[in-house]
N, C-alpha and C. Protein backbone atom coordinates (compact mmCIF):
# COMPACT_ATOMS: atom_id res chain seq x y z
N MET A 1 -2.63 -11.58 -19.28
CA MET A 1 -1.74 -11.33 -18.17
C MET A 1 -1.99 -9.92 -17.63
N ARG A 2 -1.84 -9.80 -16.32
CA ARG A 2 -1.95 -8.48 -15.70
C ARG A 2 -0.83 -8.33 -14.67
N ILE A 3 -0.49 -7.09 -14.37
CA ILE A 3 0.54 -6.77 -13.38
C ILE A 3 -0.17 -6.18 -12.17
N ILE A 4 0.14 -6.73 -10.99
CA ILE A 4 -0.47 -6.25 -9.75
C ILE A 4 0.64 -6.00 -8.72
N ARG A 5 0.27 -5.30 -7.68
CA ARG A 5 1.19 -5.12 -6.55
C ARG A 5 0.98 -6.27 -5.57
N ALA A 6 2.08 -6.82 -5.11
CA ALA A 6 2.00 -7.93 -4.16
C ALA A 6 1.48 -7.44 -2.81
N THR A 7 0.75 -8.31 -2.14
CA THR A 7 0.27 -8.05 -0.78
C THR A 7 0.69 -9.21 0.10
N SER A 8 0.33 -9.14 1.36
CA SER A 8 0.67 -10.23 2.29
C SER A 8 0.02 -11.55 1.87
N ASP A 9 -0.99 -11.50 1.03
CA ASP A 9 -1.62 -12.72 0.52
C ASP A 9 -0.72 -13.46 -0.48
N HIS A 10 0.33 -12.81 -0.95
CA HIS A 10 1.19 -13.38 -1.99
C HIS A 10 2.52 -13.92 -1.47
N VAL A 11 2.67 -14.04 -0.17
CA VAL A 11 3.94 -14.52 0.39
C VAL A 11 4.32 -15.88 -0.21
N GLY A 12 3.39 -16.80 -0.28
CA GLY A 12 3.67 -18.13 -0.83
C GLY A 12 4.09 -18.09 -2.28
N ASP A 13 3.42 -17.27 -3.09
CA ASP A 13 3.78 -17.14 -4.50
C ASP A 13 5.19 -16.57 -4.65
N LEU A 14 5.48 -15.53 -3.89
CA LEU A 14 6.81 -14.92 -3.96
C LEU A 14 7.88 -15.89 -3.48
N LEU A 15 7.57 -16.65 -2.46
CA LEU A 15 8.53 -17.62 -1.95
C LEU A 15 8.91 -18.63 -3.03
N LEU A 16 7.92 -19.13 -3.75
CA LEU A 16 8.19 -20.10 -4.83
C LEU A 16 9.08 -19.50 -5.92
N LEU A 17 8.82 -18.26 -6.28
CA LEU A 17 9.60 -17.62 -7.35
C LEU A 17 10.99 -17.22 -6.88
N ARG A 18 11.08 -16.64 -5.69
CA ARG A 18 12.39 -16.20 -5.18
C ARG A 18 13.34 -17.37 -4.96
N THR A 19 12.83 -18.51 -4.52
CA THR A 19 13.72 -19.65 -4.30
C THR A 19 14.26 -20.19 -5.63
N GLN A 20 13.57 -19.93 -6.72
CA GLN A 20 14.10 -20.31 -8.03
C GLN A 20 15.15 -19.31 -8.52
N LEU A 21 14.93 -18.03 -8.24
CA LEU A 21 15.89 -17.01 -8.66
C LEU A 21 17.15 -17.06 -7.81
N TRP A 22 17.00 -17.22 -6.51
CA TRP A 22 18.13 -17.25 -5.59
C TRP A 22 18.11 -18.57 -4.81
N PRO A 23 18.47 -19.68 -5.44
CA PRO A 23 18.35 -21.00 -4.79
C PRO A 23 19.30 -21.23 -3.62
N ASP A 24 20.37 -20.46 -3.53
CA ASP A 24 21.33 -20.65 -2.44
C ASP A 24 20.91 -19.97 -1.14
N CYS A 25 19.89 -19.16 -1.20
CA CYS A 25 19.38 -18.47 -0.01
C CYS A 25 18.39 -19.38 0.70
N PRO A 26 18.53 -19.55 2.01
CA PRO A 26 17.60 -20.41 2.75
C PRO A 26 16.15 -19.91 2.66
N GLU A 27 15.23 -20.85 2.61
CA GLU A 27 13.81 -20.51 2.47
C GLU A 27 13.33 -19.58 3.58
N GLU A 28 13.78 -19.82 4.80
CA GLU A 28 13.33 -18.97 5.92
C GLU A 28 13.81 -17.53 5.76
N LYS A 29 15.01 -17.34 5.19
CA LYS A 29 15.48 -15.98 4.94
C LYS A 29 14.60 -15.31 3.89
N HIS A 30 14.28 -16.05 2.83
CA HIS A 30 13.36 -15.50 1.82
C HIS A 30 12.04 -15.10 2.47
N ARG A 31 11.46 -15.99 3.26
CA ARG A 31 10.16 -15.72 3.89
C ARG A 31 10.24 -14.47 4.76
N LYS A 32 11.30 -14.33 5.53
CA LYS A 32 11.48 -13.16 6.41
C LYS A 32 11.57 -11.88 5.57
N GLU A 33 12.39 -11.91 4.52
CA GLU A 33 12.55 -10.72 3.68
C GLU A 33 11.24 -10.34 2.98
N ILE A 34 10.53 -11.33 2.48
CA ILE A 34 9.25 -11.06 1.81
C ILE A 34 8.27 -10.43 2.78
N THR A 35 8.14 -11.03 3.95
CA THR A 35 7.19 -10.54 4.95
C THR A 35 7.53 -9.11 5.37
N GLU A 36 8.82 -8.84 5.60
CA GLU A 36 9.23 -7.49 6.00
C GLU A 36 9.00 -6.49 4.88
N GLU A 37 9.34 -6.87 3.66
CA GLU A 37 9.18 -5.97 2.53
C GLU A 37 7.72 -5.60 2.30
N LEU A 38 6.84 -6.58 2.39
CA LEU A 38 5.42 -6.31 2.14
C LEU A 38 4.78 -5.54 3.29
N ALA A 39 5.33 -5.65 4.49
CA ALA A 39 4.78 -4.95 5.65
C ALA A 39 5.27 -3.51 5.75
N ASP A 40 6.38 -3.20 5.09
CA ASP A 40 6.99 -1.88 5.19
C ASP A 40 6.27 -0.88 4.29
N GLU A 41 5.59 0.05 4.90
CA GLU A 41 4.82 1.06 4.15
C GLU A 41 5.73 1.95 3.30
N GLU A 42 7.00 2.07 3.69
CA GLU A 42 7.93 2.96 3.00
C GLU A 42 8.63 2.29 1.82
N SER A 43 8.59 0.96 1.75
CA SER A 43 9.31 0.28 0.67
C SER A 43 8.52 0.38 -0.64
N LEU A 44 9.23 0.25 -1.72
CA LEU A 44 8.57 0.25 -3.03
C LEU A 44 7.77 -1.03 -3.17
N PRO A 45 6.73 -1.00 -3.97
CA PRO A 45 5.92 -2.21 -4.12
C PRO A 45 6.69 -3.31 -4.86
N VAL A 46 6.28 -4.53 -4.59
CA VAL A 46 6.74 -5.68 -5.34
C VAL A 46 5.65 -5.94 -6.38
N PHE A 47 6.05 -6.10 -7.62
CA PHE A 47 5.09 -6.32 -8.69
C PHE A 47 5.04 -7.79 -9.06
N LEU A 48 3.84 -8.27 -9.34
CA LEU A 48 3.63 -9.65 -9.76
C LEU A 48 2.98 -9.66 -11.13
N ALA A 49 3.42 -10.60 -11.96
CA ALA A 49 2.75 -10.88 -13.22
C ALA A 49 1.83 -12.06 -12.98
N VAL A 50 0.55 -11.88 -13.29
CA VAL A 50 -0.45 -12.91 -13.05
C VAL A 50 -1.05 -13.34 -14.38
N ASP A 51 -1.01 -14.64 -14.65
CA ASP A 51 -1.55 -15.19 -15.89
C ASP A 51 -3.08 -15.12 -15.88
N THR A 52 -3.69 -15.35 -17.01
CA THR A 52 -5.15 -15.26 -17.12
C THR A 52 -5.88 -16.25 -16.21
N ASP A 53 -5.22 -17.33 -15.82
CA ASP A 53 -5.85 -18.29 -14.91
C ASP A 53 -5.59 -17.99 -13.44
N GLY A 54 -4.93 -16.85 -13.15
CA GLY A 54 -4.67 -16.44 -11.78
C GLY A 54 -3.34 -16.90 -11.22
N THR A 55 -2.54 -17.61 -12.01
CA THR A 55 -1.24 -18.09 -11.57
C THR A 55 -0.21 -16.96 -11.62
N VAL A 56 0.55 -16.80 -10.54
CA VAL A 56 1.63 -15.82 -10.52
C VAL A 56 2.80 -16.41 -11.32
N ILE A 57 3.21 -15.72 -12.37
CA ILE A 57 4.23 -16.25 -13.28
C ILE A 57 5.53 -15.46 -13.27
N GLY A 58 5.57 -14.37 -12.51
CA GLY A 58 6.80 -13.58 -12.43
C GLY A 58 6.69 -12.50 -11.38
N PHE A 59 7.85 -11.95 -11.02
CA PHE A 59 7.86 -10.86 -10.04
C PHE A 59 9.02 -9.91 -10.33
N LEU A 60 8.89 -8.71 -9.77
CA LEU A 60 9.96 -7.72 -9.82
C LEU A 60 10.00 -7.01 -8.48
N GLU A 61 11.20 -6.94 -7.90
CA GLU A 61 11.45 -6.16 -6.69
C GLU A 61 12.37 -5.02 -7.08
N ALA A 62 12.02 -3.81 -6.67
CA ALA A 62 12.82 -2.63 -7.01
C ALA A 62 13.16 -1.86 -5.75
N SER A 63 14.13 -0.97 -5.87
CA SER A 63 14.47 -0.08 -4.77
C SER A 63 14.99 1.22 -5.36
N VAL A 64 15.09 2.22 -4.52
CA VAL A 64 15.65 3.50 -4.92
C VAL A 64 16.85 3.77 -4.01
N HIS A 65 17.98 4.07 -4.64
CA HIS A 65 19.19 4.43 -3.91
C HIS A 65 19.39 5.94 -4.04
N PRO A 66 19.97 6.58 -3.02
CA PRO A 66 20.09 8.03 -3.06
C PRO A 66 20.97 8.55 -4.20
N ASP A 67 21.91 7.74 -4.66
CA ASP A 67 22.76 8.16 -5.77
C ASP A 67 23.37 6.94 -6.44
N LEU A 68 23.96 7.19 -7.59
CA LEU A 68 24.67 6.15 -8.32
C LEU A 68 26.14 6.36 -8.05
N HIS A 69 26.81 5.34 -7.54
CA HIS A 69 28.22 5.46 -7.17
C HIS A 69 29.03 6.04 -8.32
N GLY A 70 29.67 7.17 -8.05
CA GLY A 70 30.53 7.78 -9.05
C GLY A 70 29.83 8.69 -10.03
N ALA A 71 28.54 8.86 -9.89
CA ALA A 71 27.82 9.71 -10.84
C ALA A 71 26.82 10.59 -10.08
N PRO A 72 26.81 11.88 -10.39
CA PRO A 72 25.84 12.76 -9.72
C PRO A 72 24.45 12.57 -10.32
N GLY A 73 23.47 13.15 -9.66
CA GLY A 73 22.16 13.14 -10.29
C GLY A 73 21.00 12.77 -9.41
N GLY A 74 21.25 12.42 -8.17
CA GLY A 74 20.13 12.15 -7.28
C GLY A 74 19.68 10.71 -7.26
N PRO A 75 18.45 10.47 -6.84
CA PRO A 75 17.96 9.10 -6.66
C PRO A 75 18.01 8.27 -7.95
N VAL A 76 18.32 7.00 -7.77
CA VAL A 76 18.44 6.07 -8.89
C VAL A 76 17.63 4.82 -8.58
N GLY A 77 16.81 4.40 -9.50
CA GLY A 77 16.04 3.17 -9.32
C GLY A 77 16.87 1.95 -9.68
N TYR A 78 16.70 0.89 -8.90
CA TYR A 78 17.40 -0.37 -9.14
C TYR A 78 16.38 -1.51 -9.20
N VAL A 79 16.61 -2.42 -10.11
CA VAL A 79 15.86 -3.68 -10.10
C VAL A 79 16.67 -4.63 -9.24
N GLU A 80 16.13 -4.99 -8.10
CA GLU A 80 16.82 -5.88 -7.17
C GLU A 80 16.61 -7.34 -7.55
N GLY A 81 15.46 -7.64 -8.11
CA GLY A 81 15.18 -9.01 -8.53
C GLY A 81 14.09 -9.02 -9.58
N LEU A 82 14.29 -9.84 -10.60
CA LEU A 82 13.30 -10.00 -11.67
C LEU A 82 13.35 -11.45 -12.10
N PHE A 83 12.19 -12.10 -12.06
CA PHE A 83 12.14 -13.52 -12.41
C PHE A 83 10.81 -13.82 -13.09
N VAL A 84 10.89 -14.63 -14.16
CA VAL A 84 9.71 -15.10 -14.87
C VAL A 84 9.84 -16.61 -15.03
N LEU A 85 8.77 -17.33 -14.75
CA LEU A 85 8.79 -18.78 -14.92
C LEU A 85 9.14 -19.13 -16.37
N ALA A 86 9.93 -20.19 -16.55
CA ALA A 86 10.46 -20.56 -17.86
C ALA A 86 9.42 -20.64 -18.98
N PRO A 87 8.25 -21.25 -18.76
CA PRO A 87 7.29 -21.34 -19.88
C PRO A 87 6.74 -20.00 -20.35
N HIS A 88 6.96 -18.95 -19.56
CA HIS A 88 6.39 -17.63 -19.88
C HIS A 88 7.44 -16.63 -20.32
N ARG A 89 8.68 -17.07 -20.47
CA ARG A 89 9.75 -16.17 -20.88
C ARG A 89 9.64 -15.85 -22.37
N ARG A 90 10.18 -14.68 -22.72
CA ARG A 90 10.20 -14.21 -24.11
C ARG A 90 8.79 -13.96 -24.66
N CYS A 91 7.90 -13.60 -23.73
CA CYS A 91 6.51 -13.29 -24.10
C CYS A 91 6.10 -11.89 -23.64
N GLY A 92 7.06 -11.10 -23.16
CA GLY A 92 6.77 -9.74 -22.73
C GLY A 92 6.46 -9.58 -21.25
N VAL A 93 6.58 -10.66 -20.47
CA VAL A 93 6.27 -10.58 -19.04
C VAL A 93 7.28 -9.69 -18.32
N GLY A 94 8.56 -9.94 -18.55
CA GLY A 94 9.60 -9.11 -17.93
C GLY A 94 9.47 -7.65 -18.31
N ARG A 95 9.19 -7.41 -19.57
CA ARG A 95 9.01 -6.04 -20.05
C ARG A 95 7.85 -5.36 -19.33
N ALA A 96 6.75 -6.07 -19.15
CA ALA A 96 5.59 -5.50 -18.46
C ALA A 96 5.92 -5.20 -17.00
N LEU A 97 6.69 -6.06 -16.36
CA LEU A 97 7.09 -5.83 -14.97
C LEU A 97 7.99 -4.59 -14.86
N ILE A 98 8.95 -4.48 -15.77
CA ILE A 98 9.84 -3.31 -15.79
C ILE A 98 9.03 -2.03 -16.01
N GLN A 99 8.09 -2.08 -16.92
CA GLN A 99 7.27 -0.91 -17.21
C GLN A 99 6.47 -0.48 -15.98
N ALA A 100 5.93 -1.44 -15.25
CA ALA A 100 5.17 -1.11 -14.03
C ALA A 100 6.06 -0.41 -13.01
N ALA A 101 7.27 -0.91 -12.84
CA ALA A 101 8.20 -0.30 -11.88
C ALA A 101 8.66 1.07 -12.37
N TRP A 102 8.87 1.20 -13.66
CA TRP A 102 9.33 2.46 -14.23
C TRP A 102 8.32 3.58 -14.00
N LEU A 103 7.06 3.25 -14.01
CA LEU A 103 6.01 4.25 -13.85
C LEU A 103 5.94 4.84 -12.45
N LEU A 104 6.66 4.24 -11.51
CA LEU A 104 6.68 4.81 -10.16
C LEU A 104 7.40 6.13 -10.21
């Protein structure tokens, strides 16, 4: 498994994963958000976990907020979304995605 940054080539992969994480959100809204996020040079990268056969098996979306409500200290990183396909859970995929985001 390897962790990569998502590009516009991964819209379809992200769409499949996001609709499983947030099934009540319409597909077109997911597609719009994915496209905007990947096109925005200022946004944090979206990370993908890719299996040895090239299949995308998980993703992580992160953001930075200027502060944590009620606590001083400056910018705070947030995990906005983290999802791993069921057959790959409890194998360190989520941990690897968190580590990639943490290194930013």
